[in-house]
Amino acid sequence: MTKKFLTPVKAIRKKCLDCCVFQPIEVRLCSAVNCPLYPYRHGKRPSTIKKREIAKQFSEKRGAIGENRQ
């Protein structure tokens, strides 16, 4: 029998849901900014989210430049 283990980030997400009575909207609106788990409450690493936002902005700018050339 194999057991499935949660990744640390997914375990944090589960803890945040438990803290907010399993209401995902409450996790999103969490006001406990001093909680050490706060940056991880969405179930993703904050550094990964930031990298994706930067890549998205870069690709949007690059697309706008390409449109101006045509």
PDB file of N, CA and C in Angstrom:
ATOM      1  N   MET A   1       0.840  -1.177   0.000  1.00  0.00           N
ATOM      2  CA  MET A   1       0.000   0.000   0.000  1.00  0.00           C
ATOM      3  C   MET A   1       0.890   1.247   0.000  1.00  0.00           C
ATOM      4  N   THR A   2       0.697   2.111  -0.987  1.00  0.00           N
ATOM      5  CA  THR A   2       1.475   3.343  -1.061  1.00  0.00           C
ATOM      6  C   THR A   2       0.655   4.487  -0.494  1.00  0.00           C
ATOM      7  N   LYS A   3       1.342   5.322   0.244  1.00  0.00           N
ATOM      8  CA  LYS A   3       0.692   6.505   0.819  1.00  0.00           C
ATOM      9  C   LYS A   3       1.062   7.717  -0.007  1.00  0.00           C
ATOM     10  N   LYS A   4       0.095   8.572  -0.221  1.00  0.00           N
ATOM     11  CA  LYS A   4       0.371   9.825  -0.911  1.00  0.00           C
ATOM     12  C   LYS A   4       0.709  10.878   0.133  1.00  0.00           C
ATOM     13  N   PHE A   5       1.834  11.520  -0.068  1.00  0.00           N
ATOM     14  CA  PHE A   5       2.254  12.580   0.827  1.00  0.00           C
ATOM     15  C   PHE A   5       2.036  13.924   0.152  1.00  0.00           C
ATOM     16  N   LEU A   6       1.630  14.885   0.940  1.00  0.00           N
ATOM     17  CA  LEU A   6       1.463  16.233   0.425  1.00  0.00           C
ATOM     18  C   LEU A   6       2.820  16.917   0.361  1.00  0.00           C
ATOM     19  N   THR A   7       2.979  17.770  -0.623  1.00  0.00           N
ATOM     20  CA  THR A   7       4.171  18.604  -0.640  1.00  0.00           C
ATOM     21  C   THR A   7       4.027  19.606   0.505  1.00  0.00           C
ATOM     22  N   PRO A   8       5.117  20.173   0.975  1.00  0.00           N
ATOM     23  CA  PRO A   8       5.008  21.149   2.063  1.00  0.00           C
ATOM     24  C   PRO A   8       4.068  22.313   1.734  1.00  0.00           C
ATOM     25  N   VAL A   9       4.126  22.788   0.507  1.00  0.00           N
ATOM     26  CA  VAL A   9       3.269  23.924   0.122  1.00  0.00           C
ATOM     27  C   VAL A   9       1.795  23.510   0.119  1.00  0.00           C
ATOM     28  N   LYS A  10       1.498  22.315  -0.369  1.00  0.00           N
ATOM     29  CA  LYS A  10       0.116  21.836  -0.373  1.00  0.00           C
ATOM     30  C   LYS A  10      -0.379  21.587   1.051  1.00  0.00           C
ATOM     31  N   ALA A  11       0.507  21.143   1.944  1.00  0.00           N
ATOM     32  CA  ALA A  11       0.141  20.952   3.346  1.00  0.00           C
ATOM     33  C   ALA A  11      -0.187  22.303   3.994  1.00  0.00           C
ATOM     34  N   ILE A  12       0.560  23.334   3.630  1.00  0.00           N
ATOM     35  CA  ILE A  12       0.278  24.679   4.146  1.00  0.00           C
ATOM     36  C   ILE A  12      -1.090  25.151   3.660  1.00  0.00           C
ATOM     37  N   ARG A  13      -1.386  24.910   2.385  1.00  0.00           N
ATOM     38  CA  ARG A  13      -2.695  25.279   1.842  1.00  0.00           C
ATOM     39  C   ARG A  13      -3.810  24.584   2.624  1.00  0.00           C
ATOM     40  N   LYS A  14      -3.616  23.307   2.906  1.00  0.00           N
ATOM     41  CA  LYS A  14      -4.618  22.549   3.657  1.00  0.00           C
ATOM     42  C   LYS A  14      -4.789  23.120   5.064  1.00  0.00           C
ATOM     43  N   LYS A  15      -3.684  23.512   5.698  1.00  0.00           N
ATOM     44  CA  LYS A  15      -3.744  24.113   7.031  1.00  0.00           C
ATOM     45  C   LYS A  15      -4.488  25.452   6.972  1.00  0.00           C
ATOM     46  N   CYS A  16      -4.243  26.243   5.945  1.00  0.00           N
ATOM     47  CA  CYS A  16      -4.930  27.524   5.800  1.00  0.00           C
ATOM     48  C   CYS A  16      -6.436  27.310   5.607  1.00  0.00           C
ATOM     49  N   LEU A  17      -6.794  26.305   4.823  1.00  0.00           N
ATOM     50  CA  LEU A  17      -8.213  25.992   4.656  1.00  0.00           C
ATOM     51  C   LEU A  17      -8.827  25.569   5.986  1.00  0.00           C
ATOM     52  N   ASP A  18      -8.099  24.775   6.765  1.00  0.00           N
ATOM     53  CA  ASP A  18      -8.577  24.360   8.078  1.00  0.00           C
ATOM     54  C   ASP A  18      -8.779  25.579   8.977  1.00  0.00           C
ATOM     55  N   CYS A  19      -7.841  26.489   8.947  1.00  0.00           N
ATOM     56  CA  CYS A  19      -7.915  27.700   9.766  1.00  0.00           C
ATOM     57  C   CYS A  19      -9.122  28.561   9.389  1.00  0.00           C
ATOM     58  N   CYS A  20      -9.476  28.557   8.110  1.00  0.00           N
ATOM     59  CA  CYS A  20     -10.579  29.389   7.598  1.00  0.00           C
ATOM     60  C   CYS A  20     -11.856  28.574   7.389  1.00  0.00           C
ATOM     61  N   VAL A  21     -12.028  27.502   8.149  1.00  0.00           N
ATOM     62  CA  VAL A  21     -13.230  26.666   8.122  1.00  0.00           C
ATOM     63  C   VAL A  21     -13.521  26.155   6.707  1.00  0.00           C
ATOM     64  N   PHE A  22     -12.483  25.791   5.988  1.00  0.00           N
ATOM     65  CA  PHE A  22     -12.574  25.211   4.650  1.00  0.00           C
ATOM     66  C   PHE A  22     -13.356  26.087   3.669  1.00  0.00           C
ATOM     67  N   GLN A  23     -13.165  27.395   3.781  1.00  0.00           N
ATOM     68  CA  GLN A  23     -13.762  28.363   2.867  1.00  0.00           C
ATOM     69  C   GLN A  23     -12.641  29.004   2.054  1.00  0.00           C
ATOM     70  N   PRO A  24     -12.457  28.599   0.790  1.00  0.00           N
ATOM     71  CA  PRO A  24     -11.351  29.139  -0.018  1.00  0.00           C
ATOM     72  C   PRO A  24     -11.366  30.665  -0.131  1.00  0.00           C
ATOM     73  N   ILE A  25     -12.527  31.264  -0.185  1.00  0.00           N
ATOM     74  CA  ILE A  25     -12.588  32.732  -0.279  1.00  0.00           C
ATOM     75  C   ILE A  25     -12.006  33.378   0.974  1.00  0.00           C
ATOM     76  N   GLU A  26     -12.205  32.734   2.120  1.00  0.00           N
ATOM     77  CA  GLU A  26     -11.656  33.268   3.366  1.00  0.00           C
ATOM     78  C   GLU A  26     -10.133  33.162   3.383  1.00  0.00           C
ATOM     79  N   VAL A  27      -9.599  32.119   2.767  1.00  0.00           N
ATOM     80  CA  VAL A  27      -8.142  31.989   2.663  1.00  0.00           C
ATOM     81  C   VAL A  27      -7.603  33.134   1.811  1.00  0.00           C
ATOM     82  N   ARG A  28      -8.288  33.421   0.714  1.00  0.00           N
ATOM     83  CA  ARG A  28      -7.863  34.512  -0.167  1.00  0.00           C
ATOM     84  C   ARG A  28      -7.927  35.858   0.555  1.00  0.00           C
ATOM     85  N   LEU A  29      -8.950  36.044   1.404  1.00  0.00           N
ATOM     86  CA  LEU A  29      -9.150  37.311   2.100  1.00  0.00           C
ATOM     87  C   LEU A  29      -8.472  37.346   3.470  1.00  0.00           C
ATOM     88  N   CYS A  30      -7.648  36.379   3.763  1.00  0.00           N
ATOM     89  CA  CYS A  30      -7.011  36.258   5.082  1.00  0.00           C
ATOM     90  C   CYS A  30      -6.321  37.565   5.477  1.00  0.00           C
ATOM     91  N   SER A  31      -6.567  37.965   6.710  1.00  0.00           N
ATOM     92  CA  SER A  31      -5.966  39.212   7.200  1.00  0.00           C
ATOM     93  C   SER A  31      -4.825  38.958   8.184  1.00  0.00           C
ATOM     94  N   ALA A  32      -4.448  37.714   8.383  1.00  0.00           N
ATOM     95  CA  ALA A  32      -3.375  37.363   9.316  1.00  0.00           C
ATOM     96  C   ALA A  32      -2.020  37.488   8.630  1.00  0.00           C
ATOM     97  N   VAL A  33      -1.661  38.703   8.236  1.00  0.00           N
ATOM     98  CA  VAL A  33      -0.430  38.919   7.471  1.00  0.00           C
ATOM     99  C   VAL A  33       0.828  38.602   8.264  1.00  0.00           C
ATOM    100  N   ASN A  34       0.755  38.536   9.580  1.00  0.00           N
ATOM    101  CA  ASN A  34       1.917  38.190  10.395  1.00  0.00           C
ATOM    102  C   ASN A  34       2.099  36.685  10.532  1.00  0.00           C
ATOM    103  N   CYS A  35       1.178  35.912  10.018  1.00  0.00           N
ATOM    104  CA  CYS A  35       1.285  34.455  10.054  1.00  0.00           C
ATOM    105  C   CYS A  35       2.433  34.021   9.148  1.00  0.00           C
ATOM    106  N   PRO A  36       3.301  33.130   9.615  1.00  0.00           N
ATOM    107  CA  PRO A  36       4.419  32.697   8.757  1.00  0.00           C
ATOM    108  C   PRO A  36       3.967  31.925   7.520  1.00  0.00           C
ATOM    109  N   LEU A  37       2.749  31.409   7.530  1.00  0.00           N
ATOM    110  CA  LEU A  37       2.237  30.670   6.383  1.00  0.00           C
ATOM    111  C   LEU A  37       1.560  31.577   5.357  1.00  0.00           C
ATOM    112  N   TYR A  38       1.339  32.824   5.686  1.00  0.00           N
ATOM    113  CA  TYR A  38       0.578  33.748   4.851  1.00  0.00           C
ATOM    114  C   TYR A  38       1.031  33.787   3.383  1.00  0.00           C
ATOM    115  N   PRO A  39       2.313  33.890   3.090  1.00  0.00           N
ATOM    116  CA  PRO A  39       2.726  33.955   1.674  1.00  0.00           C
ATOM    117  C   PRO A  39       2.430  32.683   0.882  1.00  0.00           C
ATOM    118  N   TYR A  40       2.234  31.572   1.571  1.00  0.00           N
ATOM    119  CA  TYR A  40       2.031  30.281   0.922  1.00  0.00           C
ATOM    120  C   TYR A  40       0.569  29.844   0.916  1.00  0.00           C
ATOM    121  N   ARG A  41      -0.347  30.691   1.365  1.00  0.00           N
ATOM    122  CA  ARG A  41      -1.745  30.302   1.588  1.00  0.00           C
ATOM    123  C   ARG A  41      -2.480  29.886   0.318  1.00  0.00           C
ATOM    124  N   HIS A  42      -1.993  30.275  -0.852  1.00  0.00           N
ATOM    125  CA  HIS A  42      -2.650  29.917  -2.112  1.00  0.00           C
ATOM    126  C   HIS A  42      -2.213  28.554  -2.638  1.00  0.00           C
ATOM    127  N   GLY A  43      -1.297  27.893  -1.926  1.00  0.00           N
ATOM    128  CA  GLY A  43      -0.840  26.580  -2.356  1.00  0.00           C
ATOM    129  C   GLY A  43       0.260  26.635  -3.389  1.00  0.00           C
ATOM    130  N   LYS A  44       0.894  27.788  -3.511  1.00  0.00           N
ATOM    131  CA  LYS A  44       1.999  27.954  -4.455  1.00  0.00           C
ATOM    132  C   LYS A  44       3.113  28.739  -3.761  1.00  0.00           C
ATOM    133  N   ARG A  45       4.315  28.522  -4.236  1.00  0.00           N
ATOM    134  CA  ARG A  45       5.447  29.274  -3.674  1.00  0.00           C
ATOM    135  C   ARG A  45       5.391  30.716  -4.182  1.00  0.00           C
ATOM    136  N   PRO A  46       5.586  31.678  -3.298  1.00  0.00           N
ATOM    137  CA  PRO A  46       5.545  33.081  -3.734  1.00  0.00           C
ATOM    138  C   PRO A  46       6.579  33.398  -4.812  1.00  0.00           C
ATOM    139  N   SER A  47       7.740  32.779  -4.758  1.00  0.00           N
ATOM    140  CA  SER A  47       8.770  33.061  -5.764  1.00  0.00           C
ATOM    141  C   SER A  47       8.327  32.577  -7.138  1.00  0.00           C
ATOM    142  N   THR A  48       7.615  31.462  -7.196  1.00  0.00           N
ATOM    143  CA  THR A  48       7.128  30.933  -8.464  1.00  0.00           C
ATOM    144  C   THR A  48       6.069  31.850  -9.056  1.00  0.00           C
ATOM    145  N   ILE A  49       5.189  32.338  -8.216  1.00  0.00           N
ATOM    146  CA  ILE A  49       4.131  33.247  -8.671  1.00  0.00           C
ATOM    147  C   ILE A  49       4.756  34.515  -9.235  1.00  0.00           C
ATOM    148  N   LYS A  50       5.744  35.038  -8.546  1.00  0.00           N
ATOM    149  CA  LYS A  50       6.416  36.264  -8.987  1.00  0.00           C
ATOM    150  C   LYS A  50       7.096  36.047 -10.341  1.00  0.00           C
ATOM    151  N   LYS A  51       7.772  34.914 -10.500  1.00  0.00           N
ATOM    152  CA  LYS A  51       8.449  34.622 -11.771  1.00  0.00           C
ATOM    153  C   LYS A  51       7.447  34.538 -12.909  1.00  0.00           C
ATOM    154  N   ARG A  52       6.297  33.922 -12.666  1.00  0.00           N
ATOM    155  CA  ARG A  52       5.273  33.810 -13.707  1.00  0.00           C
ATOM    156  C   ARG A  52       4.722  35.175 -14.088  1.00  0.00           C
ATOM    157  N   GLU A  53       4.515  36.047 -13.091  1.00  0.00           N
ATOM    158  CA  GLU A  53       4.017  37.398 -13.382  1.00  0.00           C
ATOM    159  C   GLU A  53       5.018  38.171 -14.232  1.00  0.00           C
ATOM    160  N   ILE A  54       6.293  38.051 -13.906  1.00  0.00           N
ATOM    161  CA  ILE A  54       7.338  38.748 -14.666  1.00  0.00           C
ATOM    162  C   ILE A  54       7.389  38.215 -16.095  1.00  0.00           C
ATOM    163  N   ALA A  55       7.316  36.895 -16.257  1.00  0.00           N
ATOM    164  CA  ALA A  55       7.341  36.294 -17.593  1.00  0.00           C
ATOM    165  C   ALA A  55       6.125  36.737 -18.410  1.00  0.00           C
ATOM    166  N   LYS A  56       4.981  36.819 -17.767  1.00  0.00           N
ATOM    167  CA  LYS A  56       3.759  37.251 -18.459  1.00  0.00           C
ATOM    168  C   LYS A  56       3.891  38.699 -18.926  1.00  0.00           C
ATOM    169  N   GLN A  57       4.391  39.571 -18.054  1.00  0.00           N
ATOM    170  CA  GLN A  57       4.582  40.973 -18.421  1.00  0.00           C
ATOM    171  C   GLN A  57       5.575  41.084 -19.575  1.00  0.00           C
ATOM    172  N   PHE A  58       6.645  40.316 -19.533  1.00  0.00           N
ATOM    173  CA  PHE A  58       7.655  40.350 -20.577  1.00  0.00           C
ATOM    174  C   PHE A  58       7.060  39.924 -21.917  1.00  0.00           C
ATOM    175  N   SER A  59       6.276  38.833 -21.883  1.00  0.00           N
ATOM    176  CA  SER A  59       5.697  38.352 -23.138  1.00  0.00           C
ATOM    177  C   SER A  59       4.654  39.332 -23.680  1.00  0.00           C
ATOM    178  N   GLU A  60       3.924  40.010 -22.800  1.00  0.00           N
ATOM    179  CA  GLU A  60       2.956  41.016 -23.250  1.00  0.00           C
ATOM    180  C   GLU A  60       3.674  42.193 -23.904  1.00  0.00           C
ATOM    181  N   LYS A  61       4.769  42.642 -23.287  1.00  0.00           N
ATOM    182  CA  LYS A  61       5.538  43.745 -23.863  1.00  0.00           C
ATOM    183  C   LYS A  61       6.131  43.339 -25.198  1.00  0.00           C
ATOM    184  N   ARG A  62       6.630  42.119 -25.253  1.00  0.00           N
ATOM    185  CA  ARG A  62       7.237  41.625 -26.485  1.00  0.00           C
ATOM    186  C   ARG A  62       6.192  41.523 -27.594  1.00  0.00           C
ATOM    187  N   GLY A  63       4.973  41.106 -27.231  1.00  0.00           N
ATOM    188  CA  GLY A  63       3.891  41.033 -28.200  1.00  0.00           C
ATOM    189  C   GLY A  63       3.494  42.409 -28.706  1.00  0.00           C
ATOM    190  N   ALA A  64       3.493  43.388 -27.816  1.00  0.00           N
ATOM    191  CA  ALA A  64       3.142  44.747 -28.217  1.00  0.00           C
ATOM    192  C   ALA A  64       4.205  45.324 -29.157  1.00  0.00           C
ATOM    193  N   ILE A  65       5.456  44.998 -28.914  1.00  0.00           N
ATOM    194  CA  ILE A  65       6.529  45.478 -29.796  1.00  0.00           C
ATOM    195  C   ILE A  65       6.380  44.852 -31.174  1.00  0.00           C
ATOM    196  N   GLY A  66       6.072  43.547 -31.226  1.00  0.00           N
ATOM    197  CA  GLY A  66       5.898  42.844 -32.491  1.00  0.00           C
ATOM    198  C   GLY A  66       4.730  43.397 -33.285  1.00  0.00           C
ATOM    199  N   GLU A  67       3.669  43.804 -32.610  1.00  0.00           N
ATOM    200  CA  GLU A  67       2.507  44.368 -33.291  1.00  0.00           C
ATOM    201  C   GLU A  67       2.833  45.718 -33.907  1.00  0.00           C
ATOM    202  N   ASN A  68       3.690  46.493 -33.258  1.00  0.00           N
ATOM    203  CA  ASN A  68       4.050  47.819 -33.748  1.00  0.00           C
ATOM    204  C   ASN A  68       4.912  47.742 -35.012  1.00  0.00           C
ATOM    205  N   ARG A  69       5.634  46.663 -35.185  1.00  0.00           N
ATOM    206  CA  ARG A  69       6.521  46.521 -36.329  1.00  0.00           C
ATOM    207  C   ARG A  69       5.748  46.218 -37.618  1.00  0.00           C
ATOM    208  N   GLN A  70       4.613  45.611 -37.493  1.00  0.00           N
ATOM    209  CA  GLN A  70       3.877  45.198 -38.693  1.00  0.00           C
ATOM    210  C   GLN A  70       3.059  46.315 -39.254  1.00  0.00           C
TER     211      GLN A  70
END
